[in-house]
Amino acid sequence: MVTTTRLMSPEDAPVLAALLRSNRDFLAPWEPDREDSYFTEEGQLAVVRDALDWYEAGTHVPHVIVDDDGRVVGRITLSGIVRFSLQSASVGYWVSEHANGRGHATAALRSMIAVAFGDLGLHRIQAETLKHNAASQRILERAGFERYGLAPEYLRIAGRWQDCVMYQLINRDMA
């Protein structure tokens, strides 16, 4: 299996909208509540355009996850990039149900680690998972992330404030 990531583009909006519609129930327990418009091509085009604006501003790196057949199977984003003394970002990702459990998220995460620590020269990447999201925690741990805490009522997911397990990966090679 060869999973890659690439910078998303406006041309990805129809595919992302179709993926999100077909995976709406699968992703719902892990996502914020969304308006119906989010799942349309127009809604995803707005999401992509916003993400690319943030990319141009240097605060986000929004990628799509591409499987070995060249199909988009999810998204992964470095967000909240902070420079100066922090040199840090957060990472978030999702993979469609049909591609779940096949190593795509782990491979995509490793690719984004290379972007964060290589191209961007960051010192730290943070990730949060819901307390009961064991699958995502395994992905983070396989990629070298360490659990460092619990944040009560950290994110509003699936319509309620939920506790999150906090993970980080430190770039030990950074001077």
C-alpha atoms as a PDB file:
ATOM      1  CA  MET A   1       0.000   0.000   0.000  1.00  0.00           C
ATOM      2  CA  VAL A   2       1.247   3.465  -0.913  1.00  0.00           C
ATOM      3  CA  THR A   3      -0.688   6.225   0.781  1.00  0.00           C
ATOM      4  CA  THR A   4       0.238   9.795  -0.052  1.00  0.00           C
ATOM      5  CA  THR A   5      -1.002  13.223   0.865  1.00  0.00           C
ATOM      6  CA  ARG A   6      -1.106  16.371  -1.188  1.00  0.00           C
ATOM      7  CA  LEU A   7      -2.257  19.926  -0.783  1.00  0.00           C
ATOM      8  CA  MET A   8      -5.986  20.069  -1.324  1.00  0.00           C
ATOM      9  CA  SER A   9      -7.346  22.065  -4.236  1.00  0.00           C
ATOM     10  CA  PRO A  10     -10.753  23.439  -5.249  1.00  0.00           C
ATOM     11  CA  GLU A  11     -11.036  20.487  -7.653  1.00  0.00           C
ATOM     12  CA  ASP A  12     -11.251  18.202  -4.589  1.00  0.00           C
ATOM     13  CA  ALA A  13     -14.531  19.754  -3.394  1.00  0.00           C
ATOM     14  CA  PRO A  14     -16.888  17.376  -5.287  1.00  0.00           C
ATOM     15  CA  VAL A  15     -14.987  14.286  -4.113  1.00  0.00           C
ATOM     16  CA  LEU A  16     -14.801  15.537  -0.527  1.00  0.00           C
ATOM     17  CA  ALA A  17     -18.518  16.351  -0.539  1.00  0.00           C
ATOM     18  CA  ALA A  18     -19.380  12.866  -1.839  1.00  0.00           C
ATOM     19  CA  LEU A  19     -17.092  11.230   0.736  1.00  0.00           C
ATOM     20  CA  LEU A  20     -18.541  13.265   3.572  1.00  0.00           C
ATOM     21  CA  ARG A  21     -22.124  12.513   2.528  1.00  0.00           C
ATOM     22  CA  SER A  22     -21.480   8.770   2.251  1.00  0.00           C
ATOM     23  CA  ASN A  23     -19.573   8.754   5.563  1.00  0.00           C
ATOM     24  CA  ARG A  24     -21.796  11.149   7.485  1.00  0.00           C
ATOM     25  CA  ASP A  25     -22.992   8.544  10.017  1.00  0.00           C
ATOM     26  CA  PHE A  26     -19.552   6.930  10.287  1.00  0.00           C
ATOM     27  CA  LEU A  27     -17.819  10.252  11.067  1.00  0.00           C
ATOM     28  CA  ALA A  28     -20.612  11.805  13.171  1.00  0.00           C
ATOM     29  CA  PRO A  29     -19.368  10.506  16.573  1.00  0.00           C
ATOM     30  CA  TRP A  30     -15.965  12.154  15.989  1.00  0.00           C
ATOM     31  CA  GLU A  31     -16.975  15.458  14.370  1.00  0.00           C
ATOM     32  CA  PRO A  32     -18.700  18.685  15.386  1.00  0.00           C
ATOM     33  CA  ASP A  33     -22.339  19.000  14.397  1.00  0.00           C
ATOM     34  CA  ARG A  34     -22.494  20.291  10.827  1.00  0.00           C
ATOM     35  CA  GLU A  35     -25.104  22.160   8.822  1.00  0.00           C
ATOM     36  CA  ASP A  36     -26.467  20.250   5.817  1.00  0.00           C
ATOM     37  CA  SER A  37     -24.724  22.734   3.518  1.00  0.00           C
ATOM     38  CA  TYR A  38     -21.337  21.434   4.737  1.00  0.00           C
ATOM     39  CA  PHE A  39     -21.979  18.177   2.858  1.00  0.00           C
ATOM     40  CA  THR A  40     -22.598  19.832  -0.510  1.00  0.00           C
ATOM     41  CA  GLU A  41     -20.086  20.617  -3.242  1.00  0.00           C
ATOM     42  CA  GLU A  42     -20.614  24.328  -2.595  1.00  0.00           C
ATOM     43  CA  GLY A  43     -20.064  23.812   1.126  1.00  0.00           C
ATOM     44  CA  GLN A  44     -16.863  21.876   0.570  1.00  0.00           C
ATOM     45  CA  LEU A  45     -15.656  24.420  -1.978  1.00  0.00           C
ATOM     46  CA  ALA A  46     -16.020  27.079   0.736  1.00  0.00           C
ATOM     47  CA  VAL A  47     -14.149  24.843   3.210  1.00  0.00           C
ATOM     48  CA  VAL A  48     -11.339  24.243   0.711  1.00  0.00           C
ATOM     49  CA  ARG A  49     -11.073  27.937  -0.184  1.00  0.00           C
ATOM     50  CA  ASP A  50     -10.913  28.914   3.503  1.00  0.00           C
ATOM     51  CA  ALA A  51      -8.278  26.252   4.154  1.00  0.00           C
ATOM     52  CA  LEU A  52      -6.200  27.450   1.206  1.00  0.00           C
ATOM     53  CA  ASP A  53      -6.481  31.055   2.430  1.00  0.00           C
ATOM     54  CA  TRP A  54      -5.166  29.900   5.834  1.00  0.00           C
ATOM     55  CA  TYR A  55      -2.411  27.992   4.014  1.00  0.00           C
ATOM     56  CA  GLU A  56      -1.379  31.177   2.220  1.00  0.00           C
ATOM     57  CA  ALA A  57      -1.394  32.963   5.603  1.00  0.00           C
ATOM     58  CA  GLY A  58       0.926  30.268   6.999  1.00  0.00           C
ATOM     59  CA  THR A  59      -1.432  28.987   9.689  1.00  0.00           C
ATOM     60  CA  HIS A  60      -2.633  25.716   8.093  1.00  0.00           C
ATOM     61  CA  VAL A  61      -1.404  22.958   5.789  1.00  0.00           C
ATOM     62  CA  PRO A  62      -4.565  21.249   4.452  1.00  0.00           C
ATOM     63  CA  HIS A  63      -3.969  17.964   2.634  1.00  0.00           C
ATOM     64  CA  VAL A  64      -6.140  15.233   1.212  1.00  0.00           C
ATOM     65  CA  ILE A  65      -5.218  11.602   1.835  1.00  0.00           C
ATOM     66  CA  VAL A  66      -4.812   9.626  -1.394  1.00  0.00           C
ATOM     67  CA  ASP A  67      -4.757   5.819  -1.586  1.00  0.00           C
ATOM     68  CA  ASP A  68      -2.596   3.694  -3.888  1.00  0.00           C
ATOM     69  CA  ASP A  69      -5.297   3.838  -6.587  1.00  0.00           C
ATOM     70  CA  GLY A  70      -5.150   7.636  -6.601  1.00  0.00           C
ATOM     71  CA  ARG A  71      -8.502   8.074  -4.840  1.00  0.00           C
ATOM     72  CA  VAL A  72      -9.050  10.666  -2.135  1.00  0.00           C
ATOM     73  CA  VAL A  73      -9.976   8.740   1.022  1.00  0.00           C
ATOM     74  CA  GLY A  74      -9.774  11.463   3.680  1.00  0.00           C
ATOM     75  CA  ARG A  75      -8.212  14.669   4.946  1.00  0.00           C
ATOM     76  CA  ILE A  76      -5.339  15.597   7.227  1.00  0.00           C
ATOM     77  CA  THR A  77      -4.488  19.116   8.291  1.00  0.00           C
ATOM     78  CA  LEU A  78      -1.822  20.848  10.277  1.00  0.00           C
ATOM     79  CA  SER A  79      -3.615  23.807  11.849  1.00  0.00           C
ATOM     80  CA  GLY A  80      -2.995  26.537  14.343  1.00  0.00           C
ATOM     81  CA  ILE A  81       0.613  26.888  13.247  1.00  0.00           C
ATOM     82  CA  VAL A  82       2.369  29.203  15.664  1.00  0.00           C
ATOM     83  CA  ARG A  83       5.873  30.492  15.069  1.00  0.00           C
ATOM     84  CA  PHE A  84       8.267  32.425  17.300  1.00  0.00           C
ATOM     85  CA  SER A  85       9.172  30.637  20.536  1.00  0.00           C
ATOM     86  CA  LEU A  86       6.446  27.955  20.245  1.00  0.00           C
ATOM     87  CA  GLN A  87       7.041  26.556  16.706  1.00  0.00           C
ATOM     88  CA  SER A  88       4.002  24.299  17.022  1.00  0.00           C
ATOM     89  CA  ALA A  89       0.899  23.035  15.221  1.00  0.00           C
ATOM     90  CA  SER A  90      -2.076  20.767  15.799  1.00  0.00           C
ATOM     91  CA  VAL A  91      -2.943  17.878  13.513  1.00  0.00           C
ATOM     92  CA  GLY A  92      -6.360  16.454  12.730  1.00  0.00           C
ATOM     93  CA  TYR A  93      -7.457  13.800  10.266  1.00  0.00           C
ATOM     94  CA  TRP A  94     -10.257  11.550   9.100  1.00  0.00           C
ATOM     95  CA  VAL A  95     -10.437   8.597   6.742  1.00  0.00           C
ATOM     96  CA  SER A  96     -13.562   7.244   5.047  1.00  0.00           C
ATOM     97  CA  GLU A  97     -15.154   4.068   6.355  1.00  0.00           C
ATOM     98  CA  HIS A  98     -14.213   1.995   3.283  1.00  0.00           C
ATOM     99  CA  ALA A  99     -10.538   2.968   3.756  1.00  0.00           C
ATOM    100  CA  ASN A 100     -10.553   2.671   7.540  1.00  0.00           C
ATOM    101  CA  GLY A 101      -8.223   0.192   9.208  1.00  0.00           C
ATOM    102  CA  ARG A 102      -5.872  -0.083   6.217  1.00  0.00           C
ATOM    103  CA  GLY A 103      -3.018   2.103   7.441  1.00  0.00           C
ATOM    104  CA  HIS A 104      -3.980   5.203   5.447  1.00  0.00           C
ATOM    105  CA  ALA A 105      -4.273   7.484   8.490  1.00  0.00           C
ATOM    106  CA  THR A 106      -0.962   6.273   9.936  1.00  0.00           C
ATOM    107  CA  ALA A 107       0.841   6.788   6.622  1.00  0.00           C
ATOM    108  CA  ALA A 108      -0.747  10.210   6.150  1.00  0.00           C
ATOM    109  CA  LEU A 109       0.215  11.219   9.681  1.00  0.00           C
ATOM    110  CA  ARG A 110       3.825  10.190   9.077  1.00  0.00           C
ATOM    111  CA  SER A 111       3.802  12.247   5.882  1.00  0.00           C
ATOM    112  CA  MET A 112       2.534  15.310   7.736  1.00  0.00           C
ATOM    113  CA  ILE A 113       5.155  14.829  10.459  1.00  0.00           C
ATOM    114  CA  ALA A 114       7.777  15.090   7.715  1.00  0.00           C
ATOM    115  CA  VAL A 115       6.138  18.310   6.474  1.00  0.00           C
ATOM    116  CA  ALA A 116       5.909  19.772   9.981  1.00  0.00           C
ATOM    117  CA  PHE A 117       9.425  18.905  11.109  1.00  0.00           C
ATOM    118  CA  GLY A 118      11.094  19.159   7.700  1.00  0.00           C
ATOM    119  CA  ASP A 119       9.524  21.784   5.447  1.00  0.00           C
ATOM    120  CA  LEU A 120       8.060  23.921   8.248  1.00  0.00           C
ATOM    121  CA  GLY A 121      10.811  23.424  10.824  1.00  0.00           C
ATOM    122  CA  LEU A 122       8.358  23.033  13.701  1.00  0.00           C
ATOM    123  CA  HIS A 123       9.345  21.805  17.161  1.00  0.00           C
ATOM    124  CA  ARG A 124       6.045  20.259  18.281  1.00  0.00           C
ATOM    125  CA  ILE A 125       2.854  18.730  16.905  1.00  0.00           C
ATOM    126  CA  GLN A 126      -0.185  18.333  19.118  1.00  0.00           C
ATOM    127  CA  ALA A 127      -3.201  16.087  18.600  1.00  0.00           C
ATOM    128  CA  GLU A 128      -6.367  15.493  20.554  1.00  0.00           C
ATOM    129  CA  THR A 129      -8.671  12.485  20.533  1.00  0.00           C
ATOM    130  CA  LEU A 130     -11.890  11.823  22.313  1.00  0.00           C
ATOM    131  CA  LYS A 131     -11.266   9.746  25.413  1.00  0.00           C
ATOM    132  CA  HIS A 132     -12.998   6.714  23.874  1.00  0.00           C
ATOM    133  CA  ASN A 133     -11.371   6.937  20.411  1.00  0.00           C
ATOM    134  CA  ALA A 134      -8.916   4.068  20.875  1.00  0.00           C
ATOM    135  CA  ALA A 135      -8.342   3.666  17.114  1.00  0.00           C
ATOM    136  CA  SER A 136      -7.097   7.234  16.699  1.00  0.00           C
ATOM    137  CA  GLN A 137      -4.960   6.894  19.826  1.00  0.00           C
ATOM    138  CA  ARG A 138      -3.285   3.805  18.332  1.00  0.00           C
ATOM    139  CA  ILE A 139      -2.565   5.745  15.110  1.00  0.00           C
ATOM    140  CA  LEU A 140      -0.927   8.548  17.064  1.00  0.00           C
ATOM    141  CA  GLU A 141       1.123   6.140  19.181  1.00  0.00           C
ATOM    142  CA  ARG A 142       2.297   4.191  16.106  1.00  0.00           C
ATOM    143  CA  ALA A 143       3.544   7.494  14.678  1.00  0.00           C
ATOM    144  CA  GLY A 144       5.529   8.228  17.852  1.00  0.00           C
ATOM    145  CA  PHE A 145       3.164  10.612  19.634  1.00  0.00           C
ATOM    146  CA  GLU A 146       3.137  10.501  23.439  1.00  0.00           C
ATOM    147  CA  ARG A 147       0.090  10.956  25.620  1.00  0.00           C
ATOM    148  CA  TYR A 148       0.621  13.848  28.004  1.00  0.00           C
ATOM    149  CA  GLY A 149      -2.706  14.678  29.543  1.00  0.00           C
ATOM    150  CA  LEU A 150      -6.460  14.890  29.598  1.00  0.00           C
ATOM    151  CA  ALA A 151      -8.402  18.054  28.775  1.00  0.00           C
ATOM    152  CA  PRO A 152     -11.890  18.034  30.305  1.00  0.00           C
ATOM    153  CA  GLU A 153     -14.706  19.259  28.053  1.00  0.00           C
ATOM    154  CA  TYR A 154     -12.115  20.283  25.447  1.00  0.00           C
ATOM    155  CA  LEU A 155     -14.057  19.987  22.167  1.00  0.00           C
ATOM    156  CA  ARG A 156     -17.725  20.195  21.223  1.00  0.00           C
ATOM    157  CA  ILE A 157     -18.127  16.962  19.263  1.00  0.00           C
ATOM    158  CA  ALA A 158     -21.369  15.199  18.310  1.00  0.00           C
ATOM    159  CA  GLY A 159     -23.358  17.950  19.997  1.00  0.00           C
ATOM    160  CA  ARG A 160     -21.725  17.943  23.444  1.00  0.00           C
ATOM    161  CA  TRP A 161     -18.541  19.046  25.183  1.00  0.00           C
ATOM    162  CA  GLN A 162     -16.260  16.049  25.477  1.00  0.00           C
ATOM    163  CA  ASP A 163     -13.041  15.194  27.257  1.00  0.00           C
ATOM    164  CA  CYS A 164      -9.984  14.724  25.056  1.00  0.00           C
ATOM    165  CA  VAL A 165      -6.748  12.833  25.512  1.00  0.00           C
ATOM    166  CA  MET A 166      -3.830  15.081  24.577  1.00  0.00           C
ATOM    167  CA  TYR A 167      -0.887  13.816  22.525  1.00  0.00           C
ATOM    168  CA  GLN A 168       2.300  15.468  21.327  1.00  0.00           C
ATOM    169  CA  LEU A 169       5.322  14.703  19.214  1.00  0.00           C
ATOM    170  CA  ILE A 170       8.465  16.706  19.820  1.00  0.00           C
ATOM    171  CA  ASN A 171      11.081  17.270  17.136  1.00  0.00           C
ATOM    172  CA  ARG A 172      14.120  16.233  19.216  1.00  0.00           C
ATOM    173  CA  ASP A 173      16.454  16.989  16.287  1.00  0.00           C
ATOM    174  CA  MET A 174      15.570  20.684  16.285  1.00  0.00           C
ATOM    175  CA  ALA A 175      18.305  22.927  17.662  1.00  0.00           C
END
